[in-house]
């Protein structure tokens, strides 16, 4: 069974959502590697990595570690403890500490970059993609367009913070979820709180 990240591991993923990610990675990791877009401080990475370990694969953890729009000074989810000496958001040190403490370093390959930086050079065939990066419509669409087509048949696309009601949360992840379903490449595979899972058909 997976070990939930401790309460000191910052993040916005509930244990129920994390458990669903773990189960998805256990299954989809047997098809191919896992790509996580948006690692923050490693909370979701730990869940995914434990599943990847069970499946005998790895997690590519893609994040520039400078925070999304909502993490910047003055914004709703800003955390002053994650500011470096230059006044910038920097979650990489915290991420590495948490991954090491969870003993999953051997199953995580961090990629410190933004999606747009790597998409021209990194197009792997994947068993699972977890989209939880920036929640602006531009950022979410970039993540979808860059890696939404990289899943092997039977793979899983997971999207966090999907809210059908605009009053409950931002609509960029919901838009990506709808685009994936409307593409005809995916069908619904499950939902836990705001986490949606889609199965790649072909």
Protein backbone atom coordinates (compact mmCIF):
# COMPACT_ATOMS: atom_id res chain seq x y z
CA UNK A 1 0.00 0.00 0.00
CA UNK A 2 1.22 3.55 -0.67
CA UNK A 3 2.44 5.76 2.15
CA UNK A 4 0.59 9.12 2.02
CA UNK A 5 2.86 12.18 1.97
CA UNK A 6 3.13 13.75 5.41
CA UNK A 7 1.17 16.89 6.30
CA UNK A 8 4.36 18.93 5.92
CA UNK A 9 4.49 18.16 2.18
CA UNK A 10 2.90 21.23 0.63
CA UNK A 11 0.34 20.70 -2.10
CA UNK A 12 -3.27 20.93 -3.15
CA UNK A 13 -4.01 17.25 -3.76
CA UNK A 14 -6.17 15.42 -1.22
CA UNK A 15 -5.25 11.95 0.01
CA UNK A 16 -8.26 10.53 -1.83
CA UNK A 17 -7.09 12.09 -5.08
CA UNK A 18 -3.54 10.94 -4.39
CA UNK A 19 -4.69 7.38 -3.82
CA UNK A 20 -6.53 7.48 -7.16
CA UNK A 21 -3.35 8.72 -8.86
CA UNK A 22 -1.39 5.89 -7.25
CA UNK A 23 -3.84 3.27 -8.53
CA UNK A 24 -3.78 4.81 -12.01
CA UNK A 25 0.04 4.82 -12.07
CA UNK A 26 0.15 1.18 -10.91
CA UNK A 27 -1.97 0.25 -13.94
CA UNK A 28 -0.78 2.71 -16.59
CA UNK A 29 2.87 2.36 -15.59
CA UNK A 30 2.83 -1.15 -17.03
CA UNK A 31 2.10 0.45 -20.44
CA UNK A 32 4.79 3.13 -20.32
CA UNK A 33 6.41 5.85 -18.20
CA UNK A 34 4.42 8.50 -16.33
CA UNK A 35 4.67 12.22 -17.08
CA UNK A 36 3.60 14.68 -14.41
CA UNK A 37 3.12 18.29 -15.54
CA UNK A 38 3.27 20.49 -12.44
CA UNK A 39 5.06 18.97 -9.45
CA UNK A 40 5.08 21.95 -7.06
CA UNK A 41 6.62 20.56 -3.86
CA UNK A 42 6.21 16.89 -4.78
CA UNK A 43 2.95 15.88 -3.12
CA UNK A 44 1.43 14.36 -6.26
CA UNK A 45 4.86 13.17 -7.41
CA UNK A 46 5.17 10.95 -4.35
CA UNK A 47 1.83 9.26 -5.04
CA UNK A 48 2.71 8.76 -8.71
CA UNK A 49 6.21 7.51 -7.96
CA UNK A 50 4.93 4.87 -5.57
CA UNK A 51 2.62 3.62 -8.31
CA UNK A 52 5.43 3.76 -10.86
CA UNK A 53 7.63 1.72 -8.51
CA UNK A 54 4.95 -0.96 -8.33
CA UNK A 55 4.72 -0.98 -12.14
CA UNK A 56 8.48 -1.03 -12.66
CA UNK A 57 8.71 2.34 -14.39
CA UNK A 58 9.51 6.00 -13.64
CA UNK A 59 7.88 9.42 -13.39
CA UNK A 60 9.13 12.34 -15.46
CA UNK A 61 8.34 15.27 -13.15
CA UNK A 62 8.12 18.40 -15.32
CA UNK A 63 8.03 21.76 -13.54
CA UNK A 64 9.98 25.02 -13.83
CA UNK A 65 9.58 25.36 -10.03
CA UNK A 66 8.90 29.10 -10.27
CA UNK A 67 5.22 28.76 -9.42
CA UNK A 68 2.12 29.41 -11.46
CA UNK A 69 0.26 32.70 -11.68
CA UNK A 70 -1.68 32.03 -8.47
CA UNK A 71 1.53 31.40 -6.47
CA UNK A 72 3.18 34.76 -7.11
CA UNK A 73 3.44 37.46 -4.40
CA UNK A 74 0.07 39.02 -3.72
CA UNK A 75 -1.90 36.14 -5.24
CA UNK A 76 -4.30 33.76 -3.47
CA UNK A 77 -1.97 30.75 -3.12
CA UNK A 78 1.29 32.60 -2.46
CA UNK A 79 3.53 30.96 0.16
CA UNK A 80 6.25 33.30 1.50
CA UNK A 81 8.25 30.31 2.78
CA UNK A 82 8.95 29.33 -0.84
CA UNK A 83 10.66 32.59 -1.84
CA UNK A 84 14.39 32.49 -2.63
CA UNK A 85 17.02 35.12 -1.87
CA UNK A 86 16.17 37.03 -5.02
CA UNK A 87 12.48 37.30 -4.16
CA UNK A 88 11.35 34.64 -6.63
CA UNK A 89 9.20 31.57 -6.04
CA UNK A 90 11.48 28.50 -5.94
CA UNK A 91 10.03 25.10 -5.04
CA UNK A 92 12.87 22.91 -6.34
CA UNK A 93 14.73 22.55 -3.05
CA UNK A 94 11.51 21.65 -1.22
CA UNK A 95 10.58 19.21 -4.00
CA UNK A 96 13.91 17.40 -3.82
CA UNK A 97 13.78 17.20 -0.02
CA UNK A 98 10.28 15.69 -0.08
CA UNK A 99 11.11 13.16 -2.80
CA UNK A 100 14.18 12.04 -0.85
CA UNK A 101 12.29 11.74 2.43
CA UNK A 102 9.62 9.64 0.71
CA UNK A 103 12.35 7.33 -0.65
CA UNK A 104 11.16 7.58 -4.26
CA UNK A 105 14.14 9.36 -5.85
CA UNK A 106 15.01 6.25 -7.86
CA UNK A 107 11.64 6.44 -9.60
CA UNK A 108 11.53 10.18 -10.35
CA UNK A 109 13.40 12.05 -13.08
CA UNK A 110 12.93 15.79 -12.49
CA UNK A 111 12.81 18.01 -15.58
CA UNK A 112 13.28 21.62 -14.49
CA UNK A 113 11.68 23.51 -17.36
CA UNK A 114 8.37 24.74 -18.70
CA UNK A 115 6.26 22.66 -21.07
CA UNK A 116 6.91 24.92 -24.05
CA UNK A 117 10.69 24.61 -23.53
CA UNK A 118 10.81 20.83 -23.75
CA UNK A 119 7.99 19.85 -26.09
CA UNK A 120 10.10 20.14 -29.27
CA UNK A 121 12.78 17.86 -27.86
CA UNK A 122 10.88 15.49 -25.57
CA UNK A 123 8.00 13.50 -27.05
CA UNK A 124 8.00 10.18 -25.24
CA UNK A 125 5.48 7.40 -25.62
CA UNK A 126 3.76 7.38 -22.25
CA UNK A 127 1.51 5.20 -20.15
CA UNK A 128 0.13 8.12 -18.15
CA UNK A 129 0.04 11.92 -18.27
CA UNK A 130 -1.03 13.97 -15.25
CA UNK A 131 -1.85 17.60 -16.06
CA UNK A 132 -1.69 19.87 -13.02
CA UNK A 133 0.46 22.79 -14.14
CA UNK A 134 -0.51 26.41 -14.61
CA UNK A 135 -4.26 27.02 -14.52
CA UNK A 136 -4.41 29.88 -16.98
CA UNK A 137 -6.11 28.86 -20.21
CA UNK A 138 -2.86 29.44 -22.14
CA UNK A 139 -0.82 27.23 -19.79
CA UNK A 140 -3.40 24.44 -19.67
CA UNK A 141 -3.83 24.37 -23.44
CA UNK A 142 -0.06 24.28 -23.92
CA UNK A 143 0.16 21.25 -21.63
CA UNK A 144 -2.67 19.49 -23.48
CA UNK A 145 -1.38 20.29 -26.96
CA UNK A 146 2.17 19.31 -26.06
CA UNK A 147 1.57 15.98 -24.35
CA UNK A 148 -2.11 15.04 -24.62
CA UNK A 149 -1.37 13.02 -27.75
CA UNK A 150 1.66 11.17 -26.34
CA UNK A 151 -0.27 8.42 -24.57
CA UNK A 152 -0.13 4.84 -25.77
CA UNK A 153 -3.43 2.97 -26.25
CA UNK A 154 -4.82 1.98 -22.87
CA UNK A 155 -2.91 4.79 -21.15
CA UNK A 156 -4.45 7.24 -18.71
CA UNK A 157 -4.79 11.01 -18.92
CA UNK A 158 -5.35 12.52 -15.47
CA UNK A 159 -6.41 16.15 -14.99
CA UNK A 160 -6.60 17.91 -11.63
CA UNK A 161 -8.90 20.75 -10.57
CA UNK A 162 -11.70 19.97 -13.02
CA UNK A 163 -14.80 21.90 -11.93
CA UNK A 164 -17.94 21.95 -14.04
CA UNK A 165 -19.21 24.89 -11.97
CA UNK A 166 -17.19 28.03 -12.66
CA UNK A 167 -17.99 29.22 -9.14
CA UNK A 168 -16.11 26.27 -7.65
CA UNK A 169 -12.81 26.80 -9.46
CA UNK A 170 -10.99 27.93 -12.58
CA UNK A 171 -12.18 26.63 -15.91
CA UNK A 172 -8.90 25.92 -17.73
CA UNK A 173 -8.59 22.29 -16.49
CA UNK A 174 -12.28 21.75 -17.29
CA UNK A 175 -11.65 23.04 -20.81
CA UNK A 176 -8.80 20.56 -21.29
CA UNK A 177 -10.99 17.73 -19.98
CA UNK A 178 -13.72 18.65 -22.47
CA UNK A 179 -11.21 18.89 -25.33
CA UNK A 180 -9.87 15.44 -24.52
CA UNK A 181 -13.34 13.90 -24.49
CA UNK A 182 -14.40 15.73 -27.64
CA UNK A 183 -11.27 14.55 -29.46
CA UNK A 184 -12.68 11.02 -29.60
CA UNK A 185 -9.35 9.66 -28.35
CA UNK A 186 -10.49 9.24 -24.76
CA UNK A 187 -13.36 8.00 -22.67
CA UNK A 188 -14.10 8.70 -19.01
CA UNK A 189 -12.33 6.33 -16.64
CA UNK A 190 -13.16 7.69 -13.19
CA UNK A 191 -13.40 10.75 -10.96
CA UNK A 192 -12.29 11.50 -7.41
CA UNK A 193 -13.18 14.95 -6.10
CA UNK A 194 -11.70 17.33 -8.71
CA UNK A 195 -9.46 14.67 -10.30
CA UNK A 196 -10.63 13.24 -13.63
CA UNK A 197 -9.20 10.14 -15.29
CA UNK A 198 -9.57 9.43 -19.01
CA UNK A 199 -8.59 6.24 -20.86
CA UNK A 200 -6.77 6.49 -24.20
CA UNK A 201 -8.68 4.46 -26.77
CA UNK A 202 -6.32 4.30 -29.75
